Amino acid sequence: MTENRPRTPPTFEQLRTMAGQEIGVSDWTTVDQQRIDQFAQCTGDHQWIHVDPERAKRQSPFRTTIAHGYLTLSIIGALALEMGIVPENTQA
């Protein structure tokens, strides 16, 4: 965590003025194939672009699998807490 005290998330208007600025730094988070596969198992989303490395190598424009969008979004909450950003009237 970069700060010891919790910070309130910025409002939408404040966010608009922060475009292009760093709002915090967290540790690196590894999103490897095992994590992607576990997420697919939990959600039932076994789309090949996420879980089939061989097919992705052949058919994906990225030539590898990609993480689920919802997996990426789900990680944001933990990263925000790590940076000390918590909603008002809550505790980290």
N, C-alpha and C. Protein backbone atom coordinates (compact mmCIF):
# COMPACT_ATOMS: atom_id res chain seq x y z
N MET A 1 0.85 -1.16 0.00
CA MET A 1 0.00 0.00 0.00
C MET A 1 0.90 1.23 0.00
N THR A 2 0.58 2.19 -0.80
CA THR A 2 1.41 3.38 -0.91
C THR A 2 1.13 4.40 0.18
N GLU A 3 0.00 4.30 0.85
CA GLU A 3 -0.36 5.22 1.93
C GLU A 3 -0.92 4.40 3.08
N ASN A 4 -0.79 4.93 4.30
CA ASN A 4 -1.32 4.23 5.46
C ASN A 4 -2.78 4.54 5.74
N ARG A 5 -3.25 5.69 5.29
CA ARG A 5 -4.64 6.06 5.58
C ARG A 5 -5.52 5.73 4.37
N PRO A 6 -6.73 5.23 4.63
CA PRO A 6 -7.65 4.98 3.51
C PRO A 6 -8.03 6.28 2.82
N ARG A 7 -8.23 6.22 1.53
CA ARG A 7 -8.66 7.37 0.75
C ARG A 7 -10.04 7.09 0.18
N THR A 8 -10.84 8.12 0.07
CA THR A 8 -12.16 8.01 -0.54
C THR A 8 -12.00 8.00 -2.05
N PRO A 9 -12.72 7.12 -2.74
CA PRO A 9 -12.62 7.12 -4.20
C PRO A 9 -13.03 8.48 -4.77
N PRO A 10 -12.42 8.89 -5.87
CA PRO A 10 -12.79 10.17 -6.49
C PRO A 10 -14.19 10.10 -7.08
N THR A 11 -14.83 11.25 -7.15
CA THR A 11 -16.13 11.33 -7.81
C THR A 11 -15.93 11.23 -9.31
N PHE A 12 -17.01 11.06 -10.05
CA PHE A 12 -16.92 10.98 -11.50
C PHE A 12 -16.31 12.25 -12.08
N GLU A 13 -16.74 13.39 -11.57
CA GLU A 13 -16.19 14.66 -12.06
C GLU A 13 -14.70 14.77 -11.77
N GLN A 14 -14.29 14.33 -10.60
CA GLN A 14 -12.87 14.35 -10.27
C GLN A 14 -12.09 13.41 -11.21
N LEU A 15 -12.67 12.25 -11.50
CA LEU A 15 -12.01 11.32 -12.42
C LEU A 15 -11.80 11.94 -13.79
N ARG A 16 -12.77 12.68 -14.26
CA ARG A 16 -12.65 13.31 -15.58
C ARG A 16 -11.43 14.21 -15.65
N THR A 17 -11.10 14.89 -14.55
CA THR A 17 -9.95 15.80 -14.57
C THR A 17 -8.62 15.05 -14.37
N MET A 18 -8.70 13.77 -14.06
CA MET A 18 -7.51 12.98 -13.77
C MET A 18 -7.04 12.14 -14.95
N ALA A 19 -7.66 12.28 -16.09
CA ALA A 19 -7.29 11.48 -17.26
C ALA A 19 -5.80 11.62 -17.53
N GLY A 20 -5.12 10.49 -17.67
CA GLY A 20 -3.70 10.48 -17.96
C GLY A 20 -2.80 10.59 -16.74
N GLN A 21 -3.39 10.73 -15.55
CA GLN A 21 -2.59 10.86 -14.34
C GLN A 21 -2.56 9.55 -13.56
N GLU A 22 -1.49 9.31 -12.88
CA GLU A 22 -1.39 8.14 -12.01
C GLU A 22 -2.21 8.40 -10.76
N ILE A 23 -3.09 7.46 -10.40
CA ILE A 23 -3.91 7.64 -9.20
C ILE A 23 -3.44 6.76 -8.05
N GLY A 24 -2.53 5.86 -8.32
CA GLY A 24 -2.00 4.99 -7.28
C GLY A 24 -1.18 3.88 -7.88
N VAL A 25 -0.43 3.20 -7.04
CA VAL A 25 0.43 2.10 -7.48
C VAL A 25 0.19 0.92 -6.57
N SER A 26 0.04 -0.24 -7.16
CA SER A 26 -0.11 -1.48 -6.40
C SER A 26 1.04 -2.40 -6.77
N ASP A 27 1.12 -3.52 -6.08
CA ASP A 27 2.07 -4.55 -6.49
C ASP A 27 1.60 -5.15 -7.81
N TRP A 28 2.52 -5.81 -8.52
CA TRP A 28 2.16 -6.51 -9.74
C TRP A 28 1.22 -7.66 -9.41
N THR A 29 0.30 -7.94 -10.30
CA THR A 29 -0.63 -9.06 -10.15
C THR A 29 -0.47 -9.97 -11.35
N THR A 30 -0.19 -11.22 -11.09
CA THR A 30 0.00 -12.19 -12.17
C THR A 30 -1.34 -12.75 -12.61
N VAL A 31 -1.61 -12.66 -13.89
CA VAL A 31 -2.80 -13.27 -14.47
C VAL A 31 -2.28 -14.30 -15.47
N ASP A 32 -2.08 -15.53 -14.99
CA ASP A 32 -1.55 -16.59 -15.83
C ASP A 32 -2.68 -17.52 -16.29
N GLN A 33 -2.32 -18.50 -17.09
CA GLN A 33 -3.34 -19.39 -17.63
C GLN A 33 -4.08 -20.14 -16.54
N GLN A 34 -3.39 -20.52 -15.48
CA GLN A 34 -4.06 -21.22 -14.38
C GLN A 34 -5.16 -20.35 -13.78
N ARG A 35 -4.87 -19.08 -13.57
CA ARG A 35 -5.88 -18.17 -12.99
C ARG A 35 -7.04 -17.99 -13.96
N ILE A 36 -6.75 -17.86 -15.24
CA ILE A 36 -7.80 -17.73 -16.25
C ILE A 36 -8.67 -18.99 -16.28
N ASP A 37 -8.03 -20.15 -16.22
CA ASP A 37 -8.78 -21.41 -16.22
C ASP A 37 -9.65 -21.54 -14.98
N GLN A 38 -9.14 -21.13 -13.82
CA GLN A 38 -9.93 -21.19 -12.59
C GLN A 38 -11.14 -20.27 -12.69
N PHE A 39 -10.94 -19.10 -13.26
CA PHE A 39 -12.06 -18.16 -13.43
C PHE A 39 -13.10 -18.77 -14.37
N ALA A 40 -12.65 -19.38 -15.45
CA ALA A 40 -13.56 -20.03 -16.39
C ALA A 40 -14.36 -21.12 -15.69
N GLN A 41 -13.70 -21.89 -14.84
CA GLN A 41 -14.38 -22.96 -14.11
C GLN A 41 -15.46 -22.39 -13.18
N CYS A 42 -15.14 -21.30 -12.51
CA CYS A 42 -16.09 -20.68 -11.58
C CYS A 42 -17.29 -20.09 -12.29
N THR A 43 -17.07 -19.49 -13.46
CA THR A 43 -18.13 -18.77 -14.15
C THR A 43 -18.83 -19.58 -15.24
N GLY A 44 -18.21 -20.68 -15.63
CA GLY A 44 -18.78 -21.46 -16.72
C GLY A 44 -18.48 -20.89 -18.10
N ASP A 45 -17.63 -19.88 -18.17
CA ASP A 45 -17.27 -19.26 -19.45
C ASP A 45 -16.00 -19.92 -19.98
N HIS A 46 -16.20 -20.93 -20.82
CA HIS A 46 -15.08 -21.70 -21.36
C HIS A 46 -14.82 -21.35 -22.83
N GLN A 47 -15.09 -20.12 -23.21
CA GLN A 47 -14.83 -19.65 -24.57
C GLN A 47 -13.36 -19.93 -24.91
N TRP A 48 -13.11 -20.46 -26.10
CA TRP A 48 -11.76 -20.89 -26.46
C TRP A 48 -10.72 -19.77 -26.39
N ILE A 49 -11.11 -18.53 -26.63
CA ILE A 49 -10.15 -17.43 -26.60
C ILE A 49 -9.52 -17.27 -25.22
N HIS A 50 -10.20 -17.81 -24.20
CA HIS A 50 -9.68 -17.74 -22.84
C HIS A 50 -8.94 -19.02 -22.42
N VAL A 51 -9.45 -20.18 -22.83
CA VAL A 51 -8.99 -21.43 -22.22
C VAL A 51 -8.30 -22.41 -23.16
N ASP A 52 -8.14 -22.09 -24.42
CA ASP A 52 -7.51 -23.03 -25.36
C ASP A 52 -6.26 -22.41 -25.98
N PRO A 53 -5.10 -22.56 -25.31
CA PRO A 53 -3.88 -21.93 -25.79
C PRO A 53 -3.49 -22.34 -27.21
N GLU A 54 -3.70 -23.60 -27.57
CA GLU A 54 -3.32 -24.05 -28.92
C GLU A 54 -4.18 -23.41 -30.00
N ARG A 55 -5.47 -23.38 -29.78
CA ARG A 55 -6.36 -22.74 -30.75
C ARG A 55 -6.10 -21.24 -30.81
N ALA A 56 -5.88 -20.64 -29.65
CA ALA A 56 -5.59 -19.21 -29.62
C ALA A 56 -4.31 -18.90 -30.39
N LYS A 57 -3.33 -19.78 -30.28
CA LYS A 57 -2.09 -19.59 -31.01
C LYS A 57 -2.34 -19.58 -32.52
N ARG A 58 -3.27 -20.41 -32.97
CA ARG A 58 -3.58 -20.50 -34.40
C ARG A 58 -4.56 -19.43 -34.88
N GLN A 59 -5.58 -19.12 -34.08
CA GLN A 59 -6.69 -18.32 -34.59
C GLN A 59 -6.86 -16.93 -33.98
N SER A 60 -6.25 -16.69 -32.85
CA SER A 60 -6.43 -15.38 -32.21
C SER A 60 -5.47 -14.36 -32.82
N PRO A 61 -5.92 -13.13 -33.00
CA PRO A 61 -4.98 -12.11 -33.48
C PRO A 61 -3.89 -11.81 -32.45
N PHE A 62 -4.10 -12.21 -31.19
CA PHE A 62 -3.11 -12.00 -30.13
C PHE A 62 -2.12 -13.16 -30.03
N ARG A 63 -2.44 -14.28 -30.69
CA ARG A 63 -1.61 -15.49 -30.71
C ARG A 63 -1.43 -16.12 -29.32
N THR A 64 -2.32 -15.76 -28.42
CA THR A 64 -2.33 -16.36 -27.08
C THR A 64 -3.72 -16.17 -26.50
N THR A 65 -3.99 -16.83 -25.40
CA THR A 65 -5.29 -16.63 -24.74
C THR A 65 -5.32 -15.24 -24.11
N ILE A 66 -6.53 -14.79 -23.82
CA ILE A 66 -6.72 -13.51 -23.14
C ILE A 66 -7.60 -13.73 -21.91
N ALA A 67 -7.38 -12.91 -20.90
CA ALA A 67 -8.18 -13.00 -19.68
C ALA A 67 -9.61 -12.52 -19.95
N HIS A 68 -10.55 -13.08 -19.23
CA HIS A 68 -11.93 -12.63 -19.28
C HIS A 68 -12.01 -11.17 -18.84
N GLY A 69 -12.88 -10.43 -19.45
CA GLY A 69 -13.07 -9.04 -19.03
C GLY A 69 -13.51 -8.95 -17.59
N TYR A 70 -14.40 -9.85 -17.17
CA TYR A 70 -14.87 -9.81 -15.79
C TYR A 70 -13.77 -10.23 -14.81
N LEU A 71 -12.85 -11.06 -15.23
CA LEU A 71 -11.71 -11.39 -14.36
C LEU A 71 -10.88 -10.14 -14.13
N THR A 72 -10.61 -9.42 -15.20
CA THR A 72 -9.84 -8.18 -15.08
C THR A 72 -10.55 -7.20 -14.15
N LEU A 73 -11.85 -7.03 -14.34
CA LEU A 73 -12.61 -6.12 -13.48
C LEU A 73 -12.61 -6.58 -12.02
N SER A 74 -12.67 -7.88 -11.80
CA SER A 74 -12.73 -8.38 -10.43
C SER A 74 -11.44 -8.13 -9.67
N ILE A 75 -10.34 -8.02 -10.37
CA ILE A 75 -9.05 -7.77 -9.73
C ILE A 75 -8.94 -6.32 -9.26
N ILE A 76 -9.65 -5.42 -9.90
CA ILE A 76 -9.54 -4.00 -9.59
C ILE A 76 -9.86 -3.70 -8.12
N GLY A 77 -10.87 -4.37 -7.57
CA GLY A 77 -11.24 -4.13 -6.17
C GLY A 77 -10.08 -4.39 -5.22
N ALA A 78 -9.39 -5.50 -5.41
CA ALA A 78 -8.25 -5.82 -4.54
C ALA A 78 -7.12 -4.81 -4.72
N LEU A 79 -6.88 -4.40 -5.95
CA LEU A 79 -5.82 -3.42 -6.21
C LEU A 79 -6.16 -2.07 -5.58
N ALA A 80 -7.43 -1.69 -5.65
CA ALA A 80 -7.86 -0.43 -5.03
C ALA A 80 -7.65 -0.47 -3.52
N LEU A 81 -8.01 -1.58 -2.89
CA LEU A 81 -7.79 -1.71 -1.45
C LEU A 81 -6.29 -1.64 -1.13
N GLU A 82 -5.48 -2.27 -1.96
CA GLU A 82 -4.04 -2.24 -1.74
C GLU A 82 -3.49 -0.81 -1.81
N MET A 83 -4.10 0.02 -2.65
CA MET A 83 -3.68 1.41 -2.78
C MET A 83 -4.32 2.29 -1.71
N GLY A 84 -5.20 1.70 -0.89
CA GLY A 84 -5.82 2.46 0.19
C GLY A 84 -7.08 3.20 -0.24
N ILE A 85 -7.65 2.83 -1.37
CA ILE A 85 -8.87 3.49 -1.85
C ILE A 85 -10.06 2.65 -1.40
N VAL A 86 -10.84 3.20 -0.49
CA VAL A 86 -12.01 2.48 0.02
C VAL A 86 -13.23 3.39 -0.02
N PRO A 87 -14.40 2.83 -0.25
CA PRO A 87 -15.63 3.65 -0.26
C PRO A 87 -15.85 4.33 1.08
N GLU A 88 -16.52 5.47 1.06
CA GLU A 88 -16.86 6.17 2.29
C GLU A 88 -17.64 5.25 3.23
N ASN A 89 -17.48 5.49 4.52
CA ASN A 89 -18.22 4.78 5.56
C ASN A 89 -17.93 3.28 5.59
N THR A 90 -16.76 2.88 5.11
CA THR A 90 -16.33 1.47 5.21
C THR A 90 -14.93 1.44 5.79
N GLN A 91 -14.49 0.24 6.12
CA GLN A 91 -13.14 0.05 6.64
C GLN A 91 -12.41 -0.95 5.78
N ALA A 92 -11.14 -0.71 5.57
CA ALA A 92 -10.31 -1.65 4.79
C ALA A 92 -9.89 -2.81 5.65
